Amino acid sequence: MYCPPPGFEEIYAKYKSYFVRIAMSYVWDRMAAEDIVTDSFVVFWTNRHDLDQRNIPAYIYTVIVRKCRNWLRDRVQHQRAYDTLQQTELHILEDS
């Protein structure tokens, strides 16, 4: 007997809090974690027809971990750029 895959709302409601906790363990920022999880569910939903429906949580988990690592990488890059701007501004002020 064929059972169609559940809808987006059902999957989201079932796994959201679990995945937000996982994302929080990486990024330590609640808003970022929730955004990452929502974006990951959208990636899943967009690709759902190409996926094995038995591995939905594993697929979403993999997307979340990748997005968390990218978020951390980008955060480090932004912090470096901010620090460079601060140093440049400090040098300009010292020269004035």
N, C-alpha and C. Protein backbone atom coordinates (compact mmCIF):
# COMPACT_ATOMS: atom_id res chain seq x y z
N MET A 1 0.84 -1.17 0.00
CA MET A 1 0.00 0.00 0.00
C MET A 1 0.89 1.24 0.00
N TYR A 2 0.64 2.13 -0.95
CA TYR A 2 1.42 3.37 -1.09
C TYR A 2 0.88 4.43 -0.14
N CYS A 3 1.80 5.04 0.58
CA CYS A 3 1.43 6.14 1.47
C CYS A 3 2.18 7.37 0.99
N PRO A 4 1.48 8.41 0.57
CA PRO A 4 2.18 9.59 0.05
C PRO A 4 3.02 10.27 1.14
N PRO A 5 4.08 10.94 0.74
CA PRO A 5 4.92 11.62 1.73
C PRO A 5 4.12 12.71 2.43
N PRO A 6 4.45 12.96 3.69
CA PRO A 6 3.72 13.99 4.43
C PRO A 6 3.99 15.37 3.87
N GLY A 7 3.10 16.30 4.18
CA GLY A 7 3.25 17.67 3.72
C GLY A 7 4.32 18.42 4.48
N PHE A 8 4.68 19.54 3.94
CA PHE A 8 5.73 20.37 4.52
C PHE A 8 5.42 20.73 5.97
N GLU A 9 4.20 21.17 6.24
CA GLU A 9 3.84 21.61 7.59
C GLU A 9 3.99 20.48 8.60
N GLU A 10 3.61 19.30 8.22
CA GLU A 10 3.71 18.15 9.12
C GLU A 10 5.17 17.83 9.45
N ILE A 11 6.00 17.80 8.42
CA ILE A 11 7.43 17.50 8.64
C ILE A 11 8.08 18.61 9.46
N TYR A 12 7.76 19.84 9.12
CA TYR A 12 8.33 20.99 9.83
C TYR A 12 7.95 20.96 11.30
N ALA A 13 6.69 20.73 11.59
CA ALA A 13 6.21 20.69 12.98
C ALA A 13 6.86 19.53 13.75
N LYS A 14 7.05 18.42 13.09
CA LYS A 14 7.59 17.23 13.75
C LYS A 14 9.07 17.40 14.13
N TYR A 15 9.86 18.02 13.25
CA TYR A 15 11.31 18.04 13.44
C TYR A 15 11.91 19.40 13.79
N LYS A 16 11.16 20.47 13.68
CA LYS A 16 11.74 21.81 13.83
C LYS A 16 12.49 21.99 15.15
N SER A 17 11.86 21.73 16.27
CA SER A 17 12.51 22.00 17.56
C SER A 17 13.77 21.16 17.73
N TYR A 18 13.73 19.92 17.29
CA TYR A 18 14.91 19.05 17.36
C TYR A 18 16.06 19.63 16.55
N PHE A 19 15.76 20.05 15.33
CA PHE A 19 16.81 20.58 14.47
C PHE A 19 17.29 21.96 14.92
N VAL A 20 16.44 22.75 15.51
CA VAL A 20 16.89 24.05 16.04
C VAL A 20 17.89 23.81 17.17
N ARG A 21 17.65 22.82 18.01
CA ARG A 21 18.62 22.49 19.09
C ARG A 21 19.96 22.08 18.49
N ILE A 22 19.92 21.30 17.43
CA ILE A 22 21.17 20.89 16.78
C ILE A 22 21.89 22.11 16.21
N ALA A 23 21.17 22.95 15.49
CA ALA A 23 21.79 24.16 14.91
C ALA A 23 22.34 25.06 16.01
N MET A 24 21.61 25.18 17.12
CA MET A 24 22.09 26.00 18.25
C MET A 24 23.41 25.47 18.80
N SER A 25 23.59 24.16 18.78
CA SER A 25 24.84 23.59 19.30
C SER A 25 26.03 23.99 18.43
N TYR A 26 25.78 24.39 17.20
CA TYR A 26 26.84 24.86 16.31
C TYR A 26 27.01 26.37 16.39
N VAL A 27 25.94 27.11 16.23
CA VAL A 27 26.06 28.55 16.01
C VAL A 27 25.83 29.40 17.26
N TRP A 28 25.21 28.86 18.29
CA TRP A 28 24.96 29.58 19.54
C TRP A 28 24.24 30.90 19.33
N ASP A 29 23.37 30.95 18.37
CA ASP A 29 22.59 32.15 18.06
C ASP A 29 21.19 31.66 17.65
N ARG A 30 20.21 31.92 18.51
CA ARG A 30 18.86 31.38 18.32
C ARG A 30 18.26 31.79 16.97
N MET A 31 18.33 33.07 16.65
CA MET A 31 17.74 33.54 15.39
C MET A 31 18.43 32.91 14.18
N ALA A 32 19.76 32.85 14.23
CA ALA A 32 20.49 32.23 13.13
C ALA A 32 20.13 30.75 13.02
N ALA A 33 20.03 30.07 14.15
CA ALA A 33 19.69 28.64 14.14
C ALA A 33 18.31 28.42 13.52
N GLU A 34 17.34 29.25 13.90
CA GLU A 34 16.00 29.10 13.34
C GLU A 34 15.98 29.39 11.84
N ASP A 35 16.74 30.40 11.41
CA ASP A 35 16.84 30.70 9.97
C ASP A 35 17.48 29.54 9.21
N ILE A 36 18.54 28.99 9.78
CA ILE A 36 19.23 27.87 9.14
C ILE A 36 18.30 26.68 9.00
N VAL A 37 17.55 26.39 10.05
CA VAL A 37 16.63 25.25 10.01
C VAL A 37 15.53 25.48 8.97
N THR A 38 14.95 26.66 8.98
CA THR A 38 13.90 26.96 8.00
C THR A 38 14.44 26.86 6.58
N ASP A 39 15.61 27.44 6.33
CA ASP A 39 16.23 27.35 5.01
C ASP A 39 16.50 25.90 4.62
N SER A 40 16.90 25.09 5.57
CA SER A 40 17.20 23.68 5.30
C SER A 40 15.93 22.91 4.94
N PHE A 41 14.83 23.23 5.62
CA PHE A 41 13.56 22.60 5.26
C PHE A 41 13.12 23.00 3.85
N VAL A 42 13.37 24.23 3.47
CA VAL A 42 13.03 24.69 2.12
C VAL A 42 13.88 23.95 1.10
N VAL A 43 15.17 23.76 1.39
CA VAL A 43 16.03 22.98 0.49
C VAL A 43 15.48 21.56 0.33
N PHE A 44 15.12 20.96 1.47
CA PHE A 44 14.53 19.61 1.40
C PHE A 44 13.28 19.62 0.53
N TRP A 45 12.38 20.56 0.80
CA TRP A 45 11.09 20.58 0.10
C TRP A 45 11.28 20.78 -1.41
N THR A 46 12.25 21.62 -1.76
CA THR A 46 12.55 21.87 -3.17
C THR A 46 13.05 20.60 -3.86
N ASN A 47 13.81 19.79 -3.14
CA ASN A 47 14.43 18.59 -3.72
C ASN A 47 13.70 17.30 -3.36
N ARG A 48 12.56 17.38 -2.72
CA ARG A 48 11.88 16.20 -2.17
C ARG A 48 11.58 15.11 -3.19
N HIS A 49 11.35 15.49 -4.43
CA HIS A 49 11.00 14.49 -5.45
C HIS A 49 12.21 13.66 -5.88
N ASP A 50 13.40 14.16 -5.62
CA ASP A 50 14.62 13.45 -6.00
C ASP A 50 15.21 12.65 -4.85
N LEU A 51 14.54 12.64 -3.69
CA LEU A 51 15.12 12.02 -2.49
C LEU A 51 14.39 10.74 -2.11
N ASP A 52 15.12 9.89 -1.41
CA ASP A 52 14.53 8.70 -0.81
C ASP A 52 13.72 9.16 0.40
N GLN A 53 12.43 8.97 0.38
CA GLN A 53 11.54 9.47 1.43
C GLN A 53 11.79 8.83 2.79
N ARG A 54 12.51 7.72 2.83
CA ARG A 54 12.82 7.07 4.11
C ARG A 54 13.90 7.82 4.87
N ASN A 55 14.65 8.69 4.20
CA ASN A 55 15.79 9.36 4.82
C ASN A 55 15.59 10.87 4.96
N ILE A 56 14.38 11.32 5.10
CA ILE A 56 14.10 12.75 5.20
C ILE A 56 14.87 13.40 6.35
N PRO A 57 14.79 12.88 7.57
CA PRO A 57 15.52 13.53 8.67
C PRO A 57 17.03 13.57 8.44
N ALA A 58 17.58 12.51 7.89
CA ALA A 58 19.02 12.47 7.63
C ALA A 58 19.42 13.52 6.60
N TYR A 59 18.61 13.67 5.57
CA TYR A 59 18.89 14.67 4.54
C TYR A 59 18.83 16.07 5.15
N ILE A 60 17.78 16.37 5.89
CA ILE A 60 17.64 17.70 6.50
C ILE A 60 18.78 17.96 7.47
N TYR A 61 19.15 16.96 8.26
CA TYR A 61 20.27 17.09 9.21
C TYR A 61 21.56 17.45 8.47
N THR A 62 21.82 16.78 7.37
CA THR A 62 23.04 17.04 6.59
C THR A 62 23.04 18.48 6.06
N VAL A 63 21.91 18.93 5.57
CA VAL A 63 21.81 20.31 5.08
C VAL A 63 22.03 21.30 6.21
N ILE A 64 21.45 21.03 7.37
CA ILE A 64 21.60 21.93 8.52
C ILE A 64 23.06 22.03 8.94
N VAL A 65 23.73 20.91 9.06
CA VAL A 65 25.14 20.92 9.47
C VAL A 65 25.97 21.72 8.47
N ARG A 66 25.73 21.50 7.18
CA ARG A 66 26.48 22.25 6.15
C ARG A 66 26.22 23.74 6.27
N LYS A 67 24.95 24.11 6.45
CA LYS A 67 24.61 25.52 6.58
C LYS A 67 25.19 26.13 7.86
N CYS A 68 25.23 25.38 8.93
CA CYS A 68 25.84 25.88 10.18
C CYS A 68 27.33 26.13 9.98
N ARG A 69 28.00 25.21 9.35
CA ARG A 69 29.44 25.39 9.09
C ARG A 69 29.69 26.59 8.19
N ASN A 70 28.86 26.76 7.18
CA ASN A 70 28.98 27.93 6.31
C ASN A 70 28.72 29.22 7.08
N TRP A 71 27.73 29.21 7.95
CA TRP A 71 27.43 30.39 8.77
C TRP A 71 28.62 30.75 9.65
N LEU A 72 29.22 29.74 10.28
CA LEU A 72 30.39 29.99 11.13
C LEU A 72 31.57 30.53 10.31
N ARG A 73 31.79 29.95 9.15
CA ARG A 73 32.86 30.43 8.26
C ARG A 73 32.63 31.89 7.88
N ASP A 74 31.41 32.20 7.48
CA ASP A 74 31.08 33.57 7.09
C ASP A 74 31.21 34.53 8.26
N ARG A 75 30.83 34.08 9.43
CA ARG A 75 30.93 34.93 10.63
C ARG A 75 32.40 35.28 10.91
N VAL A 76 33.28 34.31 10.78
CA VAL A 76 34.71 34.56 10.98
C VAL A 76 35.21 35.56 9.95
N GLN A 77 34.81 35.41 8.70
CA GLN A 77 35.23 36.33 7.65
C GLN A 77 34.71 37.74 7.92
N HIS A 78 33.47 37.85 8.37
CA HIS A 78 32.90 39.16 8.68
C HIS A 78 33.63 39.80 9.86
N GLN A 79 33.97 38.99 10.85
CA GLN A 79 34.69 39.51 12.01
C GLN A 79 36.07 40.01 11.60
N ARG A 80 36.75 39.29 10.73
CA ARG A 80 38.07 39.73 10.25
C ARG A 80 37.95 41.04 9.49
N ALA A 81 36.95 41.16 8.64
CA ALA A 81 36.75 42.41 7.90
C ALA A 81 36.45 43.55 8.84
N TYR A 82 35.62 43.31 9.84
CA TYR A 82 35.28 44.34 10.83
C TYR A 82 36.54 44.77 11.60
N ASP A 83 37.34 43.80 12.00
CA ASP A 83 38.58 44.10 12.74
C ASP A 83 39.54 44.93 11.88
N THR A 84 39.64 44.59 10.61
CA THR A 84 40.50 45.34 9.70
C THR A 84 40.01 46.78 9.56
N LEU A 85 38.70 46.95 9.42
CA LEU A 85 38.14 48.31 9.34
C LEU A 85 38.39 49.09 10.62
N GLN A 86 38.26 48.44 11.75
CA GLN A 86 38.51 49.10 13.03
C GLN A 86 39.97 49.55 13.13
N GLN A 87 40.88 48.68 12.72
CA GLN A 87 42.31 49.02 12.77
C GLN A 87 42.62 50.17 11.82
N THR A 88 42.04 50.15 10.64
CA THR A 88 42.25 51.22 9.66
C THR A 88 41.73 52.54 10.21
N GLU A 89 40.55 52.49 10.79
CA GLU A 89 39.96 53.70 11.38
C GLU A 89 40.83 54.23 12.52
N LEU A 90 41.35 53.34 13.33
CA LEU A 90 42.21 53.74 14.44
C LEU A 90 43.49 54.40 13.90
N HIS A 91 44.10 53.84 12.86
CA HIS A 91 45.30 54.43 12.27
C HIS A 91 45.00 55.82 11.68
N ILE A 92 43.86 55.95 11.04
CA ILE A 92 43.48 57.24 10.47
C ILE A 92 43.32 58.28 11.57
N LEU A 93 42.67 57.89 12.65
CA LEU A 93 42.47 58.81 13.78
C LEU A 93 43.81 59.18 14.45
N GLU A 94 44.70 58.23 14.54
CA GLU A 94 46.01 58.50 15.13
C GLU A 94 46.83 59.44 14.27
N ASP A 95 46.71 59.34 12.93
CA ASP A 95 47.44 60.18 12.00
C ASP A 95 46.89 61.60 11.93
N SER A 96 45.65 61.78 12.36
CA SER A 96 45.02 63.11 12.26
C SER A 96 45.54 64.06 13.31
